[in-house]
N, C-alpha and C. Protein backbone atom coordinates (compact mmCIF):
# COMPACT_ATOMS: atom_id res chain seq x y z
N MET A 1 38.85 90.58 105.61
CA MET A 1 39.40 91.38 104.52
C MET A 1 39.41 91.03 103.32
N LEU A 2 40.00 89.60 103.12
CA LEU A 2 39.98 88.96 101.78
C LEU A 2 38.61 88.83 101.00
N LYS A 3 37.69 88.56 101.78
CA LYS A 3 36.34 88.35 101.32
C LYS A 3 35.90 89.85 100.75
N ARG A 4 36.14 90.83 101.45
CA ARG A 4 35.68 92.30 101.04
C ARG A 4 36.53 92.56 99.62
N LEU A 5 37.95 92.27 99.65
CA LEU A 5 38.60 92.49 98.37
C LEU A 5 37.87 91.74 97.18
N THR A 6 37.40 90.37 97.45
CA THR A 6 36.82 89.37 96.44
C THR A 6 35.71 90.11 96.07
N ILE A 7 34.78 90.67 96.93
CA ILE A 7 33.54 91.16 96.58
C ILE A 7 33.60 92.51 95.54
N ASN A 8 34.77 93.34 96.21
CA ASN A 8 34.97 94.57 95.28
C ASN A 8 35.65 94.22 93.96
N LEU A 9 36.32 93.22 93.89
CA LEU A 9 36.89 92.82 92.63
C LEU A 9 35.68 92.33 91.79
N GLU A 10 34.74 91.43 92.21
CA GLU A 10 33.72 90.91 91.36
C GLU A 10 32.68 92.05 90.96
N LYS A 11 32.59 93.26 91.80
CA LYS A 11 31.69 94.36 91.50
C LYS A 11 32.65 95.08 90.04
N HIS A 12 33.77 95.16 90.32
CA HIS A 12 34.46 95.89 89.30
C HIS A 12 34.48 94.98 87.91
N ILE A 13 34.58 93.83 88.04
CA ILE A 13 34.57 92.97 86.83
C ILE A 13 33.21 93.17 86.29
N MET A 14 32.16 93.03 86.98
CA MET A 14 30.60 93.13 86.54
C MET A 14 30.54 94.54 85.87
N LYS A 15 30.88 95.55 86.50
CA LYS A 15 30.95 96.94 85.83
C LYS A 15 31.64 97.04 84.67
N THR A 16 32.87 96.33 84.54
CA THR A 16 33.67 96.41 83.23
C THR A 16 32.86 95.63 82.13
N ARG A 17 32.38 94.52 82.60
CA ARG A 17 31.61 93.64 81.42
C ARG A 17 30.27 94.46 81.01
N ASN A 18 29.60 95.33 81.90
CA ASN A 18 28.39 96.14 81.48
C ASN A 18 29.07 97.14 80.44
N PHE A 19 30.00 97.73 80.96
CA PHE A 19 30.55 98.85 80.03
C PHE A 19 30.95 98.46 78.62
N ILE A 20 31.55 97.14 78.45
CA ILE A 20 31.92 96.61 77.36
C ILE A 20 30.77 96.23 76.59
N TRP A 21 29.84 95.68 77.09
CA TRP A 21 28.65 95.31 76.65
C TRP A 21 27.77 96.54 76.00
N ALA A 22 27.65 97.59 76.92
CA ALA A 22 26.93 98.77 76.34
C ALA A 22 27.66 99.51 75.09
N PHE A 23 29.12 99.29 75.17
CA PHE A 23 29.90 100.06 74.41
C PHE A 23 29.79 99.36 73.10
N ALA A 24 29.76 98.17 73.14
CA ALA A 24 29.64 97.13 71.76
C ALA A 24 28.34 97.45 71.08
N ILE A 25 27.08 97.49 71.87
CA ILE A 25 25.88 97.58 71.51
C ILE A 25 25.91 99.08 70.68
N GLY A 26 26.41 100.18 71.35
CA GLY A 26 26.38 101.48 70.93
C GLY A 26 27.19 101.51 69.56
N ALA A 27 28.36 100.79 69.59
CA ALA A 27 29.21 100.85 68.24
C ALA A 27 28.47 99.95 67.04
N LEU A 28 27.56 98.95 67.66
CA LEU A 28 26.90 98.36 66.42
C LEU A 28 25.89 99.31 65.94
N LEU A 29 25.11 99.96 66.92
CA LEU A 29 24.00 100.82 66.41
C LEU A 29 24.50 101.89 65.52
N LEU A 30 25.66 102.47 66.05
CA LEU A 30 26.24 103.65 65.32
C LEU A 30 26.53 103.31 63.73
N GLY A 31 27.37 101.98 63.79
CA GLY A 31 27.85 101.45 62.53
C GLY A 31 26.58 101.05 61.70
N ALA A 32 25.77 100.57 62.18
CA ALA A 32 24.26 100.30 61.62
C ALA A 32 23.97 101.45 60.78
N CYS A 33 23.78 102.51 61.62
CA CYS A 33 23.24 103.79 61.19
C CYS A 33 23.89 104.46 59.92
N LYS A 34 25.07 104.22 59.87
CA LYS A 34 26.01 104.78 58.72
C LYS A 34 25.61 104.28 57.44
N GLY A 35 25.23 105.11 56.54
CA GLY A 35 25.09 104.51 55.07
C GLY A 35 23.51 104.13 54.87
N LYS A 36 22.77 104.24 55.98
CA LYS A 36 21.42 103.76 56.19
C LYS A 36 20.47 104.94 56.00
N ASP A 37 19.14 104.91 55.34
CA ASP A 37 18.22 106.05 55.87
C ASP A 37 17.51 105.65 57.26
N SER A 38 16.58 106.41 57.70
CA SER A 38 16.11 106.38 59.04
C SER A 38 15.40 104.96 59.23
N LYS A 39 14.77 104.58 58.07
CA LYS A 39 14.16 103.29 58.16
C LYS A 39 15.09 102.12 58.50
N GLY A 40 16.17 102.22 57.53
CA GLY A 40 17.32 101.06 57.77
C GLY A 40 17.85 101.24 59.16
N ALA A 41 17.95 102.52 59.77
CA ALA A 41 18.74 102.50 60.93
C ALA A 41 17.75 101.96 62.16
N ALA A 42 16.57 102.22 61.83
CA ALA A 42 15.45 101.67 62.81
C ALA A 42 15.40 100.14 62.93
N ASP A 43 15.46 99.44 61.61
CA ASP A 43 15.51 98.14 61.53
C ASP A 43 16.83 97.63 62.29
N SER A 44 18.02 98.09 62.03
CA SER A 44 19.11 97.64 62.71
C SER A 44 19.06 97.91 64.17
N ALA A 45 18.40 98.90 64.57
CA ALA A 45 18.31 99.03 66.15
C ALA A 45 17.45 97.96 66.66
N ASN A 46 16.43 97.52 65.97
CA ASN A 46 15.49 96.56 66.51
C ASN A 46 16.00 95.27 66.36
N GLN A 47 16.96 95.04 65.57
CA GLN A 47 17.66 93.73 65.38
C GLN A 47 18.61 93.53 66.46
N ALA A 48 19.17 94.60 66.97
CA ALA A 48 20.05 94.72 68.10
C ALA A 48 19.13 94.34 69.35
N LYS A 49 18.12 94.83 69.59
CA LYS A 49 17.13 94.55 70.76
C LYS A 49 16.71 93.27 70.85
N ASP A 50 16.54 92.67 69.44
CA ASP A 50 16.03 91.40 69.46
C ASP A 50 17.07 90.25 69.92
N THR A 51 18.30 90.65 70.10
CA THR A 51 19.32 89.67 70.70
C THR A 51 19.86 90.25 72.03
N MET A 52 19.35 91.36 72.73
CA MET A 52 19.68 91.74 73.90
C MET A 52 19.63 90.97 75.03
N GLN A 53 20.69 91.20 75.91
CA GLN A 53 20.89 90.22 77.11
C GLN A 53 20.70 91.19 78.34
N THR A 54 20.40 90.37 79.23
CA THR A 54 20.11 91.19 80.73
C THR A 54 21.37 91.35 81.38
N SER A 55 21.70 92.66 81.69
CA SER A 55 22.86 93.12 82.51
C SER A 55 22.81 92.49 84.01
N VAL A 56 24.01 92.78 84.60
CA VAL A 56 23.96 92.56 85.97
C VAL A 56 24.24 93.93 86.77
N SER A 57 23.59 93.95 87.76
CA SER A 57 23.69 95.03 88.67
C SER A 57 24.96 94.91 89.53
N ASP A 58 25.47 96.18 90.18
CA ASP A 58 26.35 96.22 91.12
C ASP A 58 26.17 95.07 92.23
N SER A 59 24.92 94.93 92.75
CA SER A 59 24.60 93.99 93.73
C SER A 59 24.95 92.56 93.41
N GLY A 60 25.11 92.27 92.13
CA GLY A 60 25.17 91.05 91.75
C GLY A 60 24.06 90.39 91.31
N LYS A 61 22.87 90.84 91.35
CA LYS A 61 21.73 90.36 90.96
C LYS A 61 21.32 90.92 89.39
N ALA A 62 20.67 90.19 88.69
CA ALA A 62 20.23 90.58 87.48
C ALA A 62 19.29 91.85 87.34
N ALA A 63 19.81 92.59 86.62
CA ALA A 63 18.86 93.98 86.60
C ALA A 63 17.57 93.57 85.90
N THR A 64 16.86 94.27 86.08
CA THR A 64 15.37 94.45 85.32
C THR A 64 15.66 94.27 83.81
N PRO A 65 15.37 93.26 83.15
CA PRO A 65 15.71 93.05 81.70
C PRO A 65 14.84 94.14 80.69
N ALA A 66 15.43 94.64 79.70
CA ALA A 66 14.60 95.59 78.90
C ALA A 66 13.78 94.77 77.90
N ILE A 67 12.67 95.26 77.64
CA ILE A 67 11.80 94.67 76.69
C ILE A 67 12.36 94.02 75.49
N LYS A 68 12.41 92.81 75.44
CA LYS A 68 12.92 92.42 74.01
C LYS A 68 11.95 92.55 73.12
N VAL A 69 12.75 92.70 71.75
CA VAL A 69 11.75 93.17 70.59
C VAL A 69 11.78 91.96 69.65
N ASP A 70 10.63 91.56 69.23
CA ASP A 70 10.43 90.31 68.30
C ASP A 70 10.84 91.06 66.90
N GLU A 71 11.73 90.40 66.34
CA GLU A 71 12.30 90.92 65.01
C GLU A 71 11.15 91.20 63.80
N SER A 72 10.41 90.39 63.74
CA SER A 72 9.10 90.23 62.75
C SER A 72 8.10 91.27 63.03
N ASP A 73 7.95 91.33 64.39
CA ASP A 73 6.95 92.38 64.69
C ASP A 73 7.53 93.72 64.60
N ALA A 74 8.82 93.90 64.97
CA ALA A 74 9.36 95.22 64.68
C ALA A 74 9.46 95.52 63.23
N LYS A 75 9.71 94.63 62.34
CA LYS A 75 9.78 94.89 60.98
C LYS A 75 8.55 95.28 60.51
N PHE A 76 7.36 94.78 60.86
CA PHE A 76 6.15 95.17 60.48
C PHE A 76 5.80 96.68 60.83
N ALA A 77 6.18 97.18 62.10
CA ALA A 77 6.04 98.19 62.52
C ALA A 77 6.91 99.41 61.93
N THR A 78 8.17 99.09 61.54
CA THR A 78 8.88 100.04 60.96
C THR A 78 8.29 100.32 59.42
N GLU A 79 7.93 99.13 58.72
CA GLU A 79 7.32 99.41 57.44
C GLU A 79 6.07 100.20 57.43
N ALA A 80 5.20 99.89 58.46
CA ALA A 80 3.92 100.51 58.58
C ALA A 80 4.27 102.03 58.90
N ALA A 81 5.27 102.39 59.78
CA ALA A 81 5.44 103.70 60.05
C ALA A 81 6.13 104.46 58.82
N ASN A 82 7.00 103.61 57.91
CA ASN A 82 7.43 104.47 56.81
C ASN A 82 6.31 104.51 55.89
N GLY A 83 5.46 103.71 55.62
CA GLY A 83 4.24 103.87 54.71
C GLY A 83 3.31 104.78 55.12
N GLY A 84 3.28 105.04 56.41
CA GLY A 84 2.26 105.96 56.88
C GLY A 84 2.59 107.30 56.71
N MET A 85 3.97 107.49 57.03
CA MET A 85 4.48 108.71 56.90
C MET A 85 4.57 109.17 55.44
N ALA A 86 4.85 108.30 54.49
CA ALA A 86 4.81 108.63 53.25
C ALA A 86 3.54 108.96 52.76
N GLU A 87 2.55 108.27 53.19
CA GLU A 87 1.10 108.82 52.74
C GLU A 87 0.72 110.18 53.16
N VAL A 88 1.25 110.65 54.31
CA VAL A 88 0.92 111.78 54.80
C VAL A 88 1.91 112.82 54.09
N VAL A 89 3.01 112.59 53.62
CA VAL A 89 3.78 113.56 52.90
C VAL A 89 3.36 113.69 51.42
N LEU A 90 3.15 112.51 50.76
CA LEU A 90 2.35 112.57 49.47
C LEU A 90 1.14 113.09 49.41
N GLY A 91 0.27 112.75 50.42
CA GLY A 91 -1.14 113.50 50.73
C GLY A 91 -0.98 114.99 50.70
N LYS A 92 -0.17 115.47 51.27
CA LYS A 92 -0.05 116.91 51.50
C LYS A 92 0.15 117.58 50.16
N LEU A 93 1.23 116.83 49.48
CA LEU A 93 1.69 117.37 48.04
C LEU A 93 0.14 117.13 47.08
N ALA A 94 -0.50 116.05 47.04
CA ALA A 94 -1.75 116.03 46.46
C ALA A 94 -2.83 117.04 46.71
N SER A 95 -2.83 117.36 48.10
CA SER A 95 -3.91 118.43 48.33
C SER A 95 -3.48 119.70 47.86
N GLU A 96 -2.16 119.84 47.49
CA GLU A 96 -1.68 121.15 46.90
C GLU A 96 -1.67 121.41 45.55
N LYS A 97 -1.09 120.29 44.76
CA LYS A 97 -0.77 120.20 43.56
C LYS A 97 -1.85 119.62 42.54
N ALA A 98 -2.77 118.60 43.10
CA ALA A 98 -3.68 117.85 42.24
C ALA A 98 -4.64 118.94 41.79
N THR A 99 -5.14 118.68 40.62
CA THR A 99 -6.12 119.60 39.76
C THR A 99 -7.60 119.03 39.75
N ASN A 100 -7.47 117.64 39.76
CA ASN A 100 -8.78 116.85 39.85
C ASN A 100 -9.32 116.92 41.38
N GLN A 101 -10.35 117.39 41.78
CA GLN A 101 -10.91 117.59 42.88
C GLN A 101 -10.99 116.52 43.69
N LYS A 102 -11.29 115.28 43.16
CA LYS A 102 -11.36 113.94 43.83
C LYS A 102 -9.95 113.76 44.29
N VAL A 103 -9.05 113.90 43.61
CA VAL A 103 -7.62 113.54 43.88
C VAL A 103 -7.17 114.44 44.94
N LYS A 104 -7.33 115.63 44.90
CA LYS A 104 -6.97 116.55 45.95
C LYS A 104 -7.76 116.20 47.41
N ASP A 105 -9.12 115.82 47.42
CA ASP A 105 -9.75 115.34 48.47
C ASP A 105 -9.14 114.11 49.07
N PHE A 106 -8.92 113.21 48.25
CA PHE A 106 -8.15 111.96 48.67
C PHE A 106 -6.88 112.15 49.37
N GLY A 107 -6.12 113.13 48.88
CA GLY A 107 -4.78 113.67 49.45
C GLY A 107 -5.03 114.26 50.93
N THR A 108 -6.23 114.85 50.94
CA THR A 108 -6.54 115.36 52.27
C THR A 108 -6.79 114.34 53.29
N MET A 109 -7.68 113.27 52.76
CA MET A 109 -7.83 112.23 53.57
C MET A 109 -6.73 111.40 53.96
N MET A 110 -5.86 111.20 53.21
CA MET A 110 -4.56 110.55 53.46
C MET A 110 -3.89 111.20 54.57
N VAL A 111 -3.71 112.48 54.76
CA VAL A 111 -3.21 113.19 55.76
C VAL A 111 -3.96 112.98 57.09
N THR A 112 -5.20 113.11 57.01
CA THR A 112 -6.03 113.03 58.38
C THR A 112 -5.77 111.54 58.87
N ASP A 113 -6.22 110.59 58.08
CA ASP A 113 -6.31 109.12 58.38
C ASP A 113 -4.93 108.68 58.95
N HIS A 114 -3.85 108.82 58.10
CA HIS A 114 -2.65 108.36 58.35
C HIS A 114 -2.08 108.94 59.41
N SER A 115 -2.11 110.35 59.55
CA SER A 115 -1.41 111.01 60.76
C SER A 115 -2.18 110.47 62.03
N LYS A 116 -3.48 110.22 62.14
CA LYS A 116 -4.08 109.46 63.31
C LYS A 116 -3.38 108.15 63.63
N ALA A 117 -3.21 107.17 62.44
CA ALA A 117 -2.78 105.95 62.56
C ALA A 117 -1.36 105.91 62.99
N ASN A 118 -0.58 107.02 62.51
CA ASN A 118 0.81 107.06 62.93
C ASN A 118 1.17 107.50 64.19
N ASP A 119 0.28 108.31 64.90
CA ASP A 119 0.25 108.59 66.24
C ASP A 119 0.09 107.37 67.06
N GLU A 120 -1.02 106.65 66.73
CA GLU A 120 -1.37 105.54 67.46
C GLU A 120 -0.09 104.58 67.59
N LEU A 121 0.60 104.33 66.28
CA LEU A 121 1.84 103.26 66.12
C LEU A 121 2.91 103.81 66.90
N LYS A 122 2.96 105.12 66.85
CA LYS A 122 4.26 105.80 67.84
C LYS A 122 4.16 105.40 69.24
N ALA A 123 2.77 105.66 69.97
CA ALA A 123 2.57 105.55 71.34
C ALA A 123 2.87 103.85 71.53
N LEU A 124 2.33 103.11 70.59
CA LEU A 124 2.46 101.68 70.72
C LEU A 124 3.91 101.08 70.65
N ALA A 125 4.79 101.62 69.82
CA ALA A 125 6.08 101.32 69.53
C ALA A 125 6.98 101.70 70.87
N GLN A 126 6.56 102.79 71.37
CA GLN A 126 7.17 103.29 72.72
C GLN A 126 6.99 102.14 73.76
N LYS A 127 5.86 101.88 73.86
CA LYS A 127 5.42 100.83 74.93
C LYS A 127 6.26 99.42 74.69
N LEU A 128 6.42 99.03 73.25
CA LEU A 128 6.84 97.69 73.15
C LEU A 128 8.43 97.76 72.77
N ASN A 129 9.04 99.14 73.04
CA ASN A 129 10.46 99.21 72.94
C ASN A 129 10.71 99.08 71.48
N ILE A 130 9.93 99.32 70.46
CA ILE A 130 10.30 99.33 69.23
C ILE A 130 10.79 100.77 68.44
N THR A 131 11.81 100.74 67.80
CA THR A 131 12.48 102.02 67.32
C THR A 131 11.73 102.05 65.90
N LEU A 132 11.20 103.21 65.67
CA LEU A 132 10.44 103.62 64.32
C LEU A 132 11.37 104.67 63.58
N PRO A 133 11.37 104.67 62.36
CA PRO A 133 11.94 105.68 61.62
C PRO A 133 11.38 106.96 61.84
N ASP A 134 12.21 108.02 61.85
CA ASP A 134 11.65 109.49 62.09
C ASP A 134 11.44 110.12 60.89
N SER A 135 11.67 109.65 59.74
CA SER A 135 11.40 110.10 58.44
C SER A 135 11.28 109.19 57.30
N ILE A 136 10.69 109.50 56.17
CA ILE A 136 10.39 108.57 55.05
C ILE A 136 11.75 107.93 54.52
N SER A 137 11.73 106.96 54.11
CA SER A 137 12.88 106.17 53.43
C SER A 137 13.37 106.81 52.11
N SER A 138 14.54 106.57 51.61
CA SER A 138 15.03 107.22 50.48
C SER A 138 14.17 106.87 49.41
N ASP A 139 13.61 105.88 49.16
CA ASP A 139 12.68 105.35 48.11
C ASP A 139 11.65 106.41 47.99
N GLU A 140 10.88 106.40 49.18
CA GLU A 140 9.81 107.37 49.35
C GLU A 140 10.13 108.96 49.07
N SER A 141 11.16 109.15 49.37
CA SER A 141 11.53 110.64 49.12
C SER A 141 12.00 110.75 47.75
N LYS A 142 12.53 109.71 47.15
CA LYS A 142 12.48 109.77 45.63
C LYS A 142 11.20 109.82 44.78
N THR A 143 10.22 109.14 45.53
CA THR A 143 8.78 109.18 44.88
C THR A 143 8.30 110.65 44.94
N ARG A 144 8.57 111.23 46.21
CA ARG A 144 7.97 112.52 46.21
C ARG A 144 8.76 113.48 45.41
N GLU A 145 9.96 113.33 45.17
CA GLU A 145 10.68 114.38 44.45
C GLU A 145 10.22 114.23 42.91
N ASP A 146 10.05 113.01 42.49
CA ASP A 146 9.57 112.82 41.08
C ASP A 146 8.11 113.52 40.89
N LEU A 147 7.27 113.21 41.95
CA LEU A 147 5.90 113.69 41.86
C LEU A 147 5.86 115.18 41.79
N ALA A 148 6.84 115.72 42.69
CA ALA A 148 6.94 117.21 42.87
C ALA A 148 7.29 117.98 41.55
N LYS A 149 7.96 117.36 40.67
CA LYS A 149 8.34 117.94 39.26
C LYS A 149 7.41 117.80 38.50
N LYS A 150 6.08 117.17 38.58
CA LYS A 150 5.09 117.21 37.60
C LYS A 150 3.77 118.00 38.09
N SER A 151 3.07 118.23 37.18
CA SER A 151 1.82 119.30 37.35
C SER A 151 0.75 118.83 36.55
N GLY A 152 -0.52 119.22 36.89
CA GLY A 152 -1.64 119.11 35.95
C GLY A 152 -2.22 117.55 36.14
N ALA A 153 -2.57 117.16 34.99
CA ALA A 153 -3.10 115.82 34.75
C ALA A 153 -1.92 114.56 34.95
N ASP A 154 -0.80 115.12 34.60
CA ASP A 154 0.37 114.10 34.77
C ASP A 154 0.65 113.86 36.13
N PHE A 155 0.42 114.79 37.18
CA PHE A 155 0.60 114.86 38.49
C PHE A 155 -0.52 113.85 39.03
N ASP A 156 -1.77 114.18 38.88
CA ASP A 156 -2.86 113.48 39.03
C ASP A 156 -2.80 112.12 38.80
N LYS A 157 -2.40 111.68 37.58
CA LYS A 157 -2.28 110.35 37.12
C LYS A 157 -1.21 109.40 37.83
N ASP A 158 -0.07 110.01 37.93
CA ASP A 158 0.86 109.38 38.71
C ASP A 158 0.88 109.24 40.12
N TYR A 159 0.15 110.10 40.66
CA TYR A 159 -0.16 110.16 42.23
C TYR A 159 -1.06 108.96 42.45
N VAL A 160 -2.23 108.95 41.59
CA VAL A 160 -3.32 107.94 41.76
C VAL A 160 -2.60 106.44 41.48
N LYS A 161 -1.74 106.34 40.40
CA LYS A 161 -1.15 105.25 40.20
C LYS A 161 -0.32 104.65 41.42
N ASP A 162 0.38 105.57 41.88
CA ASP A 162 1.27 105.30 43.25
C ASP A 162 0.46 104.89 44.23
N MET A 163 -0.72 105.62 44.58
CA MET A 163 -1.73 105.10 45.75
C MET A 163 -2.18 103.99 45.61
N VAL A 164 -2.88 103.57 44.44
CA VAL A 164 -3.22 102.29 43.94
C VAL A 164 -2.27 101.25 44.41
N ASP A 165 -0.96 101.35 43.92
CA ASP A 165 0.03 100.18 44.26
C ASP A 165 0.27 100.07 45.66
N ASP A 166 0.47 101.36 46.34
CA ASP A 166 0.81 101.40 47.54
C ASP A 166 -0.29 100.69 48.46
N HIS A 167 -1.49 101.08 48.21
CA HIS A 167 -2.36 100.65 48.97
C HIS A 167 -2.66 99.24 48.91
N LYS A 168 -2.52 98.43 47.72
CA LYS A 168 -2.41 97.15 47.33
C LYS A 168 -1.41 96.46 48.38
N LYS A 169 -0.41 96.83 48.17
CA LYS A 169 0.81 96.33 49.11
C LYS A 169 0.44 96.55 50.70
N ASP A 170 -0.06 97.68 51.11
CA ASP A 170 -0.35 97.92 52.52
C ASP A 170 -1.40 97.01 52.83
N VAL A 171 -2.49 96.79 52.14
CA VAL A 171 -3.66 95.80 52.55
C VAL A 171 -3.12 94.42 52.67
N LYS A 172 -2.22 93.91 51.77
CA LYS A 172 -1.73 92.69 51.88
C LYS A 172 -0.79 92.52 53.15
N ALA A 173 0.01 93.54 53.41
CA ALA A 173 1.00 93.45 54.49
C ALA A 173 0.07 93.43 55.88
N PHE A 174 -0.89 94.30 55.96
CA PHE A 174 -1.87 94.24 57.10
C PHE A 174 -2.66 93.00 57.35
N GLU A 175 -3.12 92.58 56.25
CA GLU A 175 -3.73 91.14 56.46
C GLU A 175 -2.89 90.07 56.93
N ASP A 176 -1.65 90.21 56.36
CA ASP A 176 -0.79 89.05 56.87
C ASP A 176 -0.39 89.38 58.41
N ALA A 177 -0.48 90.57 58.74
CA ALA A 177 -0.07 91.00 60.04
C ALA A 177 -1.02 90.62 61.10
N THR A 178 -2.34 90.67 60.64
CA THR A 178 -3.49 90.31 61.55
C THR A 178 -3.30 88.61 61.99
N LYS A 179 -2.65 88.04 61.10
CA LYS A 179 -2.59 86.38 61.26
C LYS A 179 -1.26 85.94 61.99
N ASN A 180 -0.06 86.79 61.59
CA ASN A 180 1.14 86.54 62.11
C ASN A 180 1.76 87.06 63.15
N LEU A 181 1.44 88.57 63.53
CA LEU A 181 2.06 89.06 64.34
C LEU A 181 2.03 88.53 65.96
N LYS A 182 3.00 88.62 66.85
CA LYS A 182 3.06 87.83 68.02
C LYS A 182 2.51 88.70 69.18
N ASP A 183 2.89 89.94 69.10
CA ASP A 183 2.34 90.96 70.24
C ASP A 183 0.90 91.18 70.06
N ALA A 184 -0.06 90.89 71.06
CA ALA A 184 -1.31 91.17 70.82
C ALA A 184 -1.82 92.70 70.58
N ASP A 185 -1.11 93.61 71.06
CA ASP A 185 -1.40 94.99 71.03
C ASP A 185 -1.15 95.39 69.53
N LEU A 186 -0.04 95.00 69.05
CA LEU A 186 0.43 95.37 67.78
C LEU A 186 -0.70 94.75 66.63
N LYS A 187 -1.04 93.40 66.83
CA LYS A 187 -2.01 92.70 65.99
C LYS A 187 -3.30 93.50 66.25
N ALA A 188 -3.66 93.94 67.36
CA ALA A 188 -5.07 94.73 67.45
C ALA A 188 -5.01 96.09 66.60
N PHE A 189 -3.66 96.52 66.38
CA PHE A 189 -3.57 97.89 65.74
C PHE A 189 -3.81 97.42 64.24
N ALA A 190 -3.29 96.38 63.84
CA ALA A 190 -3.16 95.91 62.58
C ALA A 190 -4.78 95.65 61.98
N VAL A 191 -5.42 94.96 63.11
CA VAL A 191 -6.74 94.57 62.60
C VAL A 191 -7.80 96.03 62.75
N LYS A 192 -7.47 96.79 63.47
CA LYS A 192 -8.02 98.02 63.58
C LYS A 192 -7.98 98.84 62.25
N THR A 193 -6.66 99.03 61.84
CA THR A 193 -6.10 99.86 60.67
C THR A 193 -6.53 99.32 59.19
N LEU A 194 -6.66 97.87 59.24
CA LEU A 194 -6.97 97.25 58.02
C LEU A 194 -8.22 97.90 57.18
N PRO A 195 -9.35 97.83 57.93
CA PRO A 195 -10.57 98.25 57.21
C PRO A 195 -10.36 99.78 56.53
N THR A 196 -9.65 100.61 57.24
CA THR A 196 -9.35 101.89 56.58
C THR A 196 -8.63 101.90 55.32
N LEU A 197 -7.58 101.04 55.59
CA LEU A 197 -6.69 100.80 54.25
C LEU A 197 -7.47 100.25 53.05
N LYS A 198 -8.44 99.23 53.34
CA LYS A 198 -9.20 98.72 52.42
C LYS A 198 -10.12 99.82 51.63
N MET A 199 -10.56 100.56 52.68
CA MET A 199 -11.47 101.73 52.21
C MET A 199 -10.80 102.72 51.28
N HIS A 200 -9.48 102.98 51.74
CA HIS A 200 -8.78 103.90 50.98
C HIS A 200 -8.48 103.44 49.24
N LEU A 201 -8.04 102.01 49.26
CA LEU A 201 -7.95 101.41 48.28
C LEU A 201 -9.23 101.36 47.28
N GLU A 202 -10.44 101.18 47.83
CA GLU A 202 -11.61 101.13 47.09
C GLU A 202 -11.86 102.61 46.48
N VAL A 203 -11.54 103.58 47.38
CA VAL A 203 -11.69 104.94 46.93
C VAL A 203 -10.89 105.26 45.69
N ILE A 204 -9.48 105.10 45.95
CA ILE A 204 -8.62 105.46 44.89
C ILE A 204 -8.73 104.67 43.50
N GLU A 205 -9.23 103.40 43.75
CA GLU A 205 -9.44 102.60 42.45
C GLU A 205 -10.58 103.10 41.71
N LYS A 206 -11.67 103.77 42.32
CA LYS A 206 -12.87 104.24 41.66
C LYS A 206 -12.34 105.72 41.00
N ILE A 207 -11.50 106.30 41.71
CA ILE A 207 -11.03 107.59 40.98
C ILE A 207 -10.12 107.43 39.82
N LYS A 208 -9.35 106.24 39.98
CA LYS A 208 -8.51 105.95 38.67
C LYS A 208 -9.60 105.41 37.57
N LYS A 209 -10.47 104.64 37.86
CA LYS A 209 -11.37 104.25 36.61
C LYS A 209 -12.19 105.53 36.19
N GLY A 210 -12.37 106.55 37.03
CA GLY A 210 -13.09 107.58 36.44
C GLY A 210 -12.16 108.78 35.85
N MET A 211 -10.91 108.58 35.86
CA MET A 211 -10.03 109.48 35.10
C MET A 211 -9.87 109.13 33.76
N LYS A 212 -9.79 110.02 32.88
CA LYS A 212 -9.63 109.91 31.34
C LYS A 212 -8.01 109.65 31.13
């Protein structure tokens, strides 16, 4: 009888601990999301996963641990997702507003190429338990708003400048990723995507040089 009571008490304590841990994680994520845009919220969620502990089941055995997220790999993924979504959003804008046909065509290419890469990254992130932003950051939203207010040659010039700057940063980030990422699948994604980014940079730099 005493043994049974002891076992029941241990189970109750385990359940209480698991509940407290789950509540603490939820509160942490909720607090982290407040005041942050989607990218910031994703970063906070991944940081919590990086320190996640294995819970204990009712049987007293360790439950199957959740996939632990490496913070540096997750940081790359969230940056890549945010940048990829921004390229699609701005590309759609360029395909509609640009007056230079080459700029318009480049915008269309951004939508096509980055939508494909974004889908691949989403599937990979789900597999790796990485939380990605579901919308562009406040900085990227501001860029879109500023570009949307412009038209004609002014729009073309500013969009092209933004694309040159963005792709220089992207190429550097993906080059570093091919060397430093810990997860093999995520590194393979960076290796596969890098040539496309370099091609984009080459094309947009040529367009910039050809503009008056």
